[in-house]
């Protein structure tokens, strides 16, 4: 009889690592695949940090691939499909993620890694700690890779793996084309945007520590003191000590921050229309095209026709929000004979409003009633029968 292969770790420990790692990789990939466009924005930040801007055009493809790869490897680990190759893939992937999160944390460059998308925001150090725990579990599996047995017969395992591959890529492709299934952003359906922008009375503000660099004019001695010690010590009364340079301000405790803090809507002259537009008591249609140079022209034309009908028949206010310059927007408007009023905002909040260029928000009393990707935007009749005739 063939001798049973010895394992370095107890079978229970290997199964614990196998289940935890497999499920975490599936969850991590799935939650990011729910919003691959958002993950691609995070990858673009990393490309900028590492001076690899030539990859920015492919960020979305990388995003969908990485999300799918995480899910595929996690599922393959659970069913034991080609365990040796899978554990190699898991090890290389977690080392890669660990390097990115450490670099982000140590050099303070990308302050949210996007490991779990917008569903569970993590600081860089939290992300790095999570990756190190995962690395330990993956190392246990890697050391025992030849002992990991499949739970399905070869043919069934092959079919299950193929289904997992199709599903993993399909999720990212679907959500990119039809918006995230679960919206974790502050502009989700049902959100009251003016309320999301408010800071409640008595909210804790940010706390900062002021640091002074001092030098003794007589002895040349130098010292650094925070504002509390500087005041208590009375050193500021001693004319022998002088402050060198400007005091440094460091955030030591973050206070309350509204969910929406970076949205400011202006007209071409710079007048602020944020509250007026977001608090409209009637149905109003907001078309978001954060980049007019890369927006879908056919969708813009359809939305323009929709705006014409809604304006004529229901006196509905329709606006187009963009981050382009007023000059570029005027040229675009003339070329497409746009009816919607054009307003301007920074591209970052516009990308968060709706993961589509263009995207559509239907609002009333400051509340997001519904939102659509241009691939599944409603027709005039559907919009009227669903909302305006109620």
Protein backbone atom coordinates (compact mmCIF):
# COMPACT_ATOMS: atom_id res chain seq x y z
CA UNK A 1 0.00 0.00 0.00
CA UNK A 2 1.13 3.54 -0.74
CA UNK A 3 2.19 5.39 2.40
CA UNK A 4 -0.04 8.33 3.29
CA UNK A 5 1.65 11.67 2.61
CA UNK A 6 2.71 13.49 5.75
CA UNK A 7 1.44 17.01 6.33
CA UNK A 8 3.19 19.85 8.10
CA UNK A 9 0.02 21.10 9.77
CA UNK A 10 -3.05 19.46 11.33
CA UNK A 11 -5.86 18.80 8.89
CA UNK A 12 -8.22 21.04 10.88
CA UNK A 13 -5.82 24.00 10.59
CA UNK A 14 -5.45 23.51 6.84
CA UNK A 15 -9.22 23.43 6.40
CA UNK A 16 -9.60 26.55 8.55
CA UNK A 17 -7.05 28.42 6.42
CA UNK A 18 -8.57 27.05 3.23
CA UNK A 19 -12.11 28.21 4.11
CA UNK A 20 -11.09 31.61 5.50
CA UNK A 21 -8.75 32.46 2.63
CA UNK A 22 -11.15 31.17 -0.02
CA UNK A 23 -14.14 33.08 1.32
CA UNK A 24 -12.18 36.28 1.91
CA UNK A 25 -10.79 36.29 -1.62
CA UNK A 26 -14.24 35.63 -3.06
CA UNK A 27 -15.77 38.39 -0.92
CA UNK A 28 -12.99 40.86 -1.73
CA UNK A 29 -13.25 40.21 -5.46
CA UNK A 30 -17.04 40.24 -5.48
CA UNK A 31 -17.39 43.50 -3.54
CA UNK A 32 -14.97 45.24 -5.89
CA UNK A 33 -16.55 43.65 -8.98
CA UNK A 34 -19.80 45.24 -7.83
CA UNK A 35 -18.18 48.57 -8.78
CA UNK A 36 -15.28 47.90 -11.18
CA UNK A 37 -15.26 51.51 -12.41
CA UNK A 38 -14.71 52.73 -8.86
CA UNK A 39 -11.88 50.22 -8.42
CA UNK A 40 -10.34 51.39 -11.71
CA UNK A 41 -10.19 54.95 -10.31
CA UNK A 42 -8.19 53.56 -7.38
CA UNK A 43 -5.83 51.74 -9.75
CA UNK A 44 -5.29 55.00 -11.63
CA UNK A 45 -4.10 56.55 -8.35
CA UNK A 46 -1.52 53.77 -7.98
CA UNK A 47 -0.42 54.18 -11.61
CA UNK A 48 0.14 57.87 -10.91
CA UNK A 49 2.12 57.16 -7.74
CA UNK A 50 4.41 54.72 -9.56
CA UNK A 51 4.71 56.98 -12.65
CA UNK A 52 2.99 54.42 -14.87
CA UNK A 53 0.41 56.71 -16.41
CA UNK A 54 0.61 54.81 -19.71
CA UNK A 55 -1.44 52.08 -17.96
CA UNK A 56 -4.28 54.42 -16.97
CA UNK A 57 -6.12 53.75 -20.23
CA UNK A 58 -6.27 50.07 -19.27
CA UNK A 59 -7.29 50.60 -15.62
CA UNK A 60 -10.82 49.29 -16.15
CA UNK A 61 -9.57 46.09 -17.81
CA UNK A 62 -7.11 45.55 -14.95
CA UNK A 63 -9.91 46.19 -12.44
CA UNK A 64 -12.26 43.61 -13.95
CA UNK A 65 -9.43 41.08 -14.33
CA UNK A 66 -8.13 41.47 -10.74
CA UNK A 67 -11.63 41.20 -9.27
CA UNK A 68 -12.30 38.07 -11.30
CA UNK A 69 -8.89 36.60 -10.42
CA UNK A 70 -9.56 36.97 -6.70
CA UNK A 71 -12.92 35.22 -6.98
CA UNK A 72 -11.58 32.48 -9.24
CA UNK A 73 -8.62 31.69 -6.97
CA UNK A 74 -10.83 31.75 -3.87
CA UNK A 75 -13.37 29.38 -5.40
CA UNK A 76 -10.69 27.07 -6.81
CA UNK A 77 -9.10 26.86 -3.36
CA UNK A 78 -12.40 25.88 -1.74
CA UNK A 79 -13.06 23.04 -4.19
CA UNK A 80 -9.38 22.03 -4.35
CA UNK A 81 -9.03 22.58 -8.10
CA UNK A 82 -5.32 22.44 -9.07
CA UNK A 83 -4.25 23.31 -5.53
CA UNK A 84 -0.53 23.70 -6.32
CA UNK A 85 -1.05 26.31 -9.03
CA UNK A 86 -3.82 28.05 -7.05
CA UNK A 87 -1.73 28.41 -3.89
CA UNK A 88 1.11 29.84 -5.98
CA UNK A 89 -1.35 32.36 -7.42
CA UNK A 90 -2.70 33.25 -3.99
CA UNK A 91 0.80 33.73 -2.58
CA UNK A 92 1.93 36.00 -5.41
CA UNK A 93 -1.31 37.99 -5.27
CA UNK A 94 -1.20 38.57 -1.52
CA UNK A 95 2.47 39.58 -1.70
CA UNK A 96 1.57 42.06 -4.44
CA UNK A 97 -1.35 43.48 -2.43
CA UNK A 98 0.79 43.58 0.71
CA UNK A 99 3.45 45.62 -1.08
CA UNK A 100 0.85 48.10 -2.35
CA UNK A 101 -0.82 48.57 1.04
CA UNK A 102 2.52 48.94 2.83
CA UNK A 103 3.71 51.48 0.28
CA UNK A 104 0.44 53.40 0.62
CA UNK A 105 0.62 53.37 4.42
CA UNK A 106 4.32 54.16 4.83
CA UNK A 107 4.57 56.87 2.19
CA UNK A 108 0.99 58.15 2.71
CA UNK A 109 0.19 58.23 -0.99
CA UNK A 110 -3.11 56.39 -1.57
CA UNK A 111 -5.14 56.82 1.59
CA UNK A 112 -7.82 54.20 0.84
CA UNK A 113 -6.68 51.02 -0.84
CA UNK A 114 -10.07 49.94 -2.16
CA UNK A 115 -9.59 46.38 -0.86
CA UNK A 116 -13.30 46.04 -0.12
CA UNK A 117 -14.48 48.87 -2.37
CA UNK A 118 -16.66 51.54 -0.80
CA UNK A 119 -18.53 48.93 1.24
CA UNK A 120 -15.86 48.66 3.95
CA UNK A 121 -13.39 51.59 3.79
CA UNK A 122 -10.03 50.71 5.35
CA UNK A 123 -7.05 52.88 6.16
CA UNK A 124 -3.75 51.84 4.53
CA UNK A 125 -2.40 50.42 7.81
CA UNK A 126 -5.62 48.47 8.40
CA UNK A 127 -5.36 47.11 4.86
CA UNK A 128 -1.71 46.16 5.36
CA UNK A 129 -2.53 44.39 8.64
CA UNK A 130 -5.32 42.46 6.92
CA UNK A 131 -2.93 41.44 4.13
CA UNK A 132 -0.30 40.25 6.61
CA UNK A 133 -2.83 38.05 8.41
CA UNK A 134 -3.91 36.66 5.06
CA UNK A 135 -0.28 36.12 4.10
CA UNK A 136 0.24 33.90 7.18
CA UNK A 137 -2.82 31.83 6.29
CA UNK A 138 -1.75 31.56 2.65
CA UNK A 139 1.75 30.47 3.72
CA UNK A 140 0.21 27.61 5.70
CA UNK A 141 -1.67 26.54 2.58
CA UNK A 142 1.36 27.01 0.36
CA UNK A 143 3.50 24.82 2.63
CA UNK A 144 0.77 22.16 2.49
CA UNK A 145 -0.16 22.66 -1.17
CA UNK A 146 0.49 19.05 -2.17
CA UNK A 147 -1.78 17.84 0.63
CA UNK A 148 -4.83 19.90 -0.39
CA UNK A 149 -7.34 17.43 -1.82
CA UNK A 150 -10.19 18.27 -4.23
CA UNK A 151 -13.75 17.84 -2.97
CA UNK A 152 -15.16 17.15 -6.43
CA UNK A 153 -14.40 14.54 -9.05
CA UNK A 154 -12.17 15.81 -11.92
CA UNK A 155 -14.98 16.34 -14.44
CA UNK A 156 -17.29 18.02 -11.90
CA UNK A 157 -14.41 20.15 -10.64
CA UNK A 158 -13.60 21.28 -14.19
CA UNK A 159 -17.21 22.27 -14.87
CA UNK A 160 -17.49 24.10 -11.54
CA UNK A 161 -14.28 25.98 -12.30
CA UNK A 162 -15.54 27.04 -15.74
CA UNK A 163 -18.80 28.29 -14.20
CA UNK A 164 -16.79 30.23 -11.60
CA UNK A 165 -14.68 31.87 -14.33
CA UNK A 166 -17.76 32.90 -16.33
CA UNK A 167 -19.50 34.22 -13.22
CA UNK A 168 -16.42 36.12 -11.97
CA UNK A 169 -15.88 38.00 -15.21
CA UNK A 170 -19.61 38.34 -15.81
CA UNK A 171 -20.23 40.22 -12.56
CA UNK A 172 -17.69 42.95 -13.37
CA UNK A 173 -18.83 43.29 -16.98
CA UNK A 174 -22.50 43.49 -15.95
CA UNK A 175 -22.07 46.07 -13.19
CA UNK A 176 -19.86 48.22 -15.41
CA UNK A 177 -22.57 48.30 -18.07
CA UNK A 178 -25.63 48.58 -15.80
CA UNK A 179 -24.43 50.23 -12.53
CA UNK A 180 -23.51 48.47 -9.25
CA UNK A 181 -26.08 46.03 -7.89
CA UNK A 182 -25.43 47.40 -4.40
CA UNK A 183 -24.69 51.12 -4.23
CA UNK A 184 -22.49 52.05 -1.25
CA UNK A 185 -21.91 55.64 -2.36
CA UNK A 186 -23.64 58.67 -0.76
CA UNK A 187 -25.61 59.34 -3.96
CA UNK A 188 -27.50 56.03 -3.82
CA UNK A 189 -31.23 55.76 -4.52
CA UNK A 190 -33.19 57.08 -1.55
CA UNK A 191 -30.42 59.37 -0.30
CA UNK A 192 -31.35 62.93 0.69
CA UNK A 193 -28.40 64.84 -0.73
CA UNK A 194 -28.87 68.17 1.15
CA UNK A 195 -29.04 66.20 4.42
CA UNK A 196 -25.94 64.21 3.50
CA UNK A 197 -24.08 67.52 3.11
CA UNK A 198 -24.97 68.92 6.55
CA UNK A 199 -22.80 69.02 9.65
CA UNK A 200 -25.02 68.66 12.75
CA UNK A 201 -24.72 71.23 15.59
CA UNK A 202 -22.10 70.29 18.15
CA UNK A 203 -20.33 67.88 15.82
CA UNK A 204 -16.73 67.20 16.78
CA UNK A 205 -14.34 69.20 14.56
CA UNK A 206 -10.94 67.98 13.39
CA UNK A 207 -8.21 68.18 16.03
CA UNK A 208 -4.76 69.40 15.01
CA UNK A 209 -1.43 69.48 16.81
CA UNK A 210 0.83 72.46 16.18
CA UNK A 211 4.57 71.76 16.36
CA UNK A 212 7.22 74.47 16.82
CA UNK A 213 10.89 74.17 15.87
CA UNK A 214 12.97 76.31 18.23
CA UNK A 215 16.57 77.47 18.27
CA UNK A 216 18.54 79.10 21.09
CA UNK A 217 20.26 82.22 19.80
CA UNK A 218 22.99 82.01 22.44
CA UNK A 219 23.93 78.31 22.46
CA UNK A 220 22.63 77.20 19.06
CA UNK A 221 20.68 74.39 20.74
CA UNK A 222 17.52 73.25 18.97
CA UNK A 223 14.34 71.59 20.17
CA UNK A 224 10.88 70.67 18.93
CA UNK A 225 7.76 71.22 21.03
CA UNK A 226 4.05 70.84 20.46
CA UNK A 227 1.75 73.78 21.14
CA UNK A 228 0.69 72.51 24.58
CA UNK A 229 4.25 72.16 25.89
CA UNK A 230 5.24 75.39 24.19
CA UNK A 231 2.56 77.29 26.09
CA UNK A 232 2.97 75.54 29.46
CA UNK A 233 6.76 75.81 29.56
CA UNK A 234 6.72 79.58 29.09
CA UNK A 235 9.64 79.25 26.67
CA UNK A 236 7.92 81.78 24.44
CA UNK A 237 8.76 84.41 27.06
CA UNK A 238 12.50 83.68 26.78
CA UNK A 239 14.02 85.99 24.18
CA UNK A 240 16.94 83.57 23.71
CA UNK A 241 14.63 81.13 21.98
CA UNK A 242 13.24 81.83 18.53
CA UNK A 243 10.86 79.89 16.31
CA UNK A 244 12.49 78.56 13.16
CA UNK A 245 10.32 78.52 10.07
CA UNK A 246 6.57 78.11 10.13
CA UNK A 247 4.85 75.94 12.76
CA UNK A 248 3.74 72.54 11.47
CA UNK A 249 0.09 71.53 11.70
CA UNK A 250 -0.74 67.81 11.92
CA UNK A 251 -4.17 66.19 12.05
CA UNK A 252 -4.27 63.98 15.13
CA UNK A 253 -7.99 63.19 15.30
CA UNK A 254 -10.51 63.41 12.50
CA UNK A 255 -13.80 64.99 13.46
CA UNK A 256 -17.23 64.58 11.93
CA UNK A 257 -17.23 64.59 8.15
CA UNK A 258 -20.48 64.71 6.18
CA UNK A 259 -20.97 61.93 3.64
CA UNK A 260 -20.94 64.56 0.89
CA UNK A 261 -18.35 67.26 1.48
CA UNK A 262 -16.84 67.97 -1.93
CA UNK A 263 -19.84 68.80 -4.12
CA UNK A 264 -20.16 72.40 -5.30
CA UNK A 265 -22.32 73.10 -8.35
CA UNK A 266 -21.66 76.36 -10.20
CA UNK A 267 -22.72 78.09 -13.39
CA UNK A 268 -20.28 79.37 -16.00
CA UNK A 269 -19.81 82.62 -14.03
CA UNK A 270 -18.92 80.77 -10.81
CA UNK A 271 -22.20 81.38 -8.99
CA UNK A 272 -23.09 78.60 -6.54
CA UNK A 273 -26.30 76.72 -7.35
CA UNK A 274 -25.78 73.64 -5.17
CA UNK A 275 -28.68 74.07 -2.75
CA UNK A 276 -31.08 75.44 -5.36
CA UNK A 277 -30.58 72.53 -7.75
CA UNK A 278 -30.47 69.76 -5.16
CA UNK A 279 -33.49 71.01 -3.20
CA UNK A 280 -35.89 71.35 -6.12
CA UNK A 281 -39.36 70.36 -4.74
CA UNK A 282 -40.45 69.00 -8.13
CA UNK A 283 -39.13 66.16 -10.25
CA UNK A 284 -35.93 67.20 -11.95
CA UNK A 285 -33.57 65.27 -14.18
CA UNK A 286 -29.81 65.52 -13.66
CA UNK A 287 -27.58 64.27 -16.48
CA UNK A 288 -24.04 63.63 -15.26
CA UNK A 289 -21.34 63.67 -17.92
CA UNK A 290 -18.16 64.27 -15.97
CA UNK A 291 -16.03 64.16 -19.13
CA UNK A 292 -17.68 65.45 -22.29
CA UNK A 293 -14.68 64.38 -24.36
CA UNK A 294 -15.37 60.70 -23.65
CA UNK A 295 -19.11 60.65 -23.09
CA UNK A 296 -21.42 58.55 -25.25
CA UNK A 297 -22.75 60.87 -27.97
CA UNK A 298 -25.68 58.65 -28.89
CA UNK A 299 -26.83 58.55 -25.26
CA UNK A 300 -26.49 62.33 -25.00
CA UNK A 301 -28.74 62.78 -28.03
CA UNK A 302 -31.37 60.44 -26.56
CA UNK A 303 -31.25 62.26 -23.22
CA UNK A 304 -31.57 65.58 -24.99
CA UNK A 305 -34.74 64.36 -26.72
CA UNK A 306 -36.02 63.10 -23.37
CA UNK A 307 -35.31 66.50 -21.80
CA UNK A 308 -37.20 68.29 -24.59
CA UNK A 309 -40.31 66.18 -24.04
CA UNK A 310 -40.21 66.46 -20.24
CA UNK A 311 -39.71 70.23 -20.42
CA UNK A 312 -42.55 70.77 -22.88
CA UNK A 313 -45.08 68.42 -21.28
CA UNK A 314 -44.27 68.60 -17.57
CA UNK A 315 -42.16 71.75 -17.23
CA UNK A 316 -39.40 69.54 -15.79
CA UNK A 317 -36.07 71.18 -15.07
CA UNK A 318 -33.23 69.23 -16.64
CA UNK A 319 -29.57 70.02 -16.10
CA UNK A 320 -26.29 68.61 -17.29
CA UNK A 321 -23.41 68.44 -14.82
CA UNK A 322 -19.84 68.26 -16.12
CA UNK A 323 -16.28 68.94 -15.01
CA UNK A 324 -15.27 70.32 -18.40
CA UNK A 325 -14.56 74.02 -18.84
CA UNK A 326 -17.44 76.35 -19.80
CA UNK A 327 -15.74 76.92 -23.16
CA UNK A 328 -15.63 73.20 -23.97
CA UNK A 329 -19.17 72.73 -22.67
CA UNK A 330 -20.48 75.55 -24.87
CA UNK A 331 -18.94 73.94 -27.96
CA UNK A 332 -20.39 70.55 -26.96
CA UNK A 333 -23.82 72.06 -26.28
CA UNK A 334 -23.91 73.78 -29.65
CA UNK A 335 -22.86 70.63 -31.48
CA UNK A 336 -25.64 68.59 -29.84
CA UNK A 337 -28.27 71.37 -29.64
CA UNK A 338 -28.63 70.70 -25.92
CA UNK A 339 -31.77 71.80 -24.09
CA UNK A 340 -30.62 71.03 -20.50
CA UNK A 341 -28.97 73.85 -18.56
CA UNK A 342 -25.27 73.25 -18.06
CA UNK A 343 -23.62 73.49 -14.64
CA UNK A 344 -20.16 72.61 -13.42
CA UNK A 345 -18.64 70.60 -10.59
CA UNK A 346 -15.42 68.80 -9.79
CA UNK A 347 -14.96 65.47 -11.51
CA UNK A 348 -14.46 63.48 -8.28
CA UNK A 349 -18.00 63.88 -6.87
CA UNK A 350 -19.47 63.55 -10.36
CA UNK A 351 -17.80 60.15 -10.75
CA UNK A 352 -19.37 59.14 -7.43
CA UNK A 353 -22.85 60.34 -8.38
CA UNK A 354 -23.34 57.67 -11.00
CA UNK A 355 -20.85 55.20 -12.48
CA UNK A 356 -21.70 56.11 -16.05
CA UNK A 357 -20.71 58.79 -18.55
CA UNK A 358 -23.39 59.97 -19.08
CA UNK A 359 -25.52 58.83 -16.18
CA UNK A 360 -28.99 59.95 -15.12
CA UNK A 361 -30.43 60.87 -11.73
CA UNK A 362 -34.11 61.57 -11.15
CA UNK A 363 -34.53 63.76 -8.07
CA UNK A 364 -37.31 65.34 -6.05
CA UNK A 365 -37.07 67.37 -2.82
CA UNK A 366 -33.36 66.62 -2.67
CA UNK A 367 -33.93 62.85 -2.70
CA UNK A 368 -32.49 60.54 -5.37
CA UNK A 369 -35.63 58.83 -6.68
CA UNK A 370 -33.78 56.65 -9.17
CA UNK A 371 -30.61 56.53 -11.24
CA UNK A 372 -29.63 54.83 -14.48
CA UNK A 373 -26.70 53.91 -16.65
CA UNK A 374 -27.11 55.14 -20.21
CA UNK A 375 -27.33 51.51 -21.31
CA UNK A 376 -30.63 51.01 -19.46
CA UNK A 377 -32.06 54.53 -19.25
CA UNK A 378 -35.87 54.60 -19.36
CA UNK A 379 -37.87 55.76 -22.34
CA UNK A 380 -40.05 58.84 -22.12
CA UNK A 381 -43.24 56.76 -21.78
CA UNK A 382 -41.80 54.56 -19.02
CA UNK A 383 -40.53 57.59 -17.10
CA UNK A 384 -43.87 59.39 -17.38
CA UNK A 385 -46.02 56.38 -16.45
CA UNK A 386 -43.77 55.40 -13.57
CA UNK A 387 -43.25 58.80 -11.97
CA UNK A 388 -44.91 61.83 -13.54
CA UNK A 389 -48.47 60.50 -13.78
CA UNK A 390 -48.60 59.39 -10.15
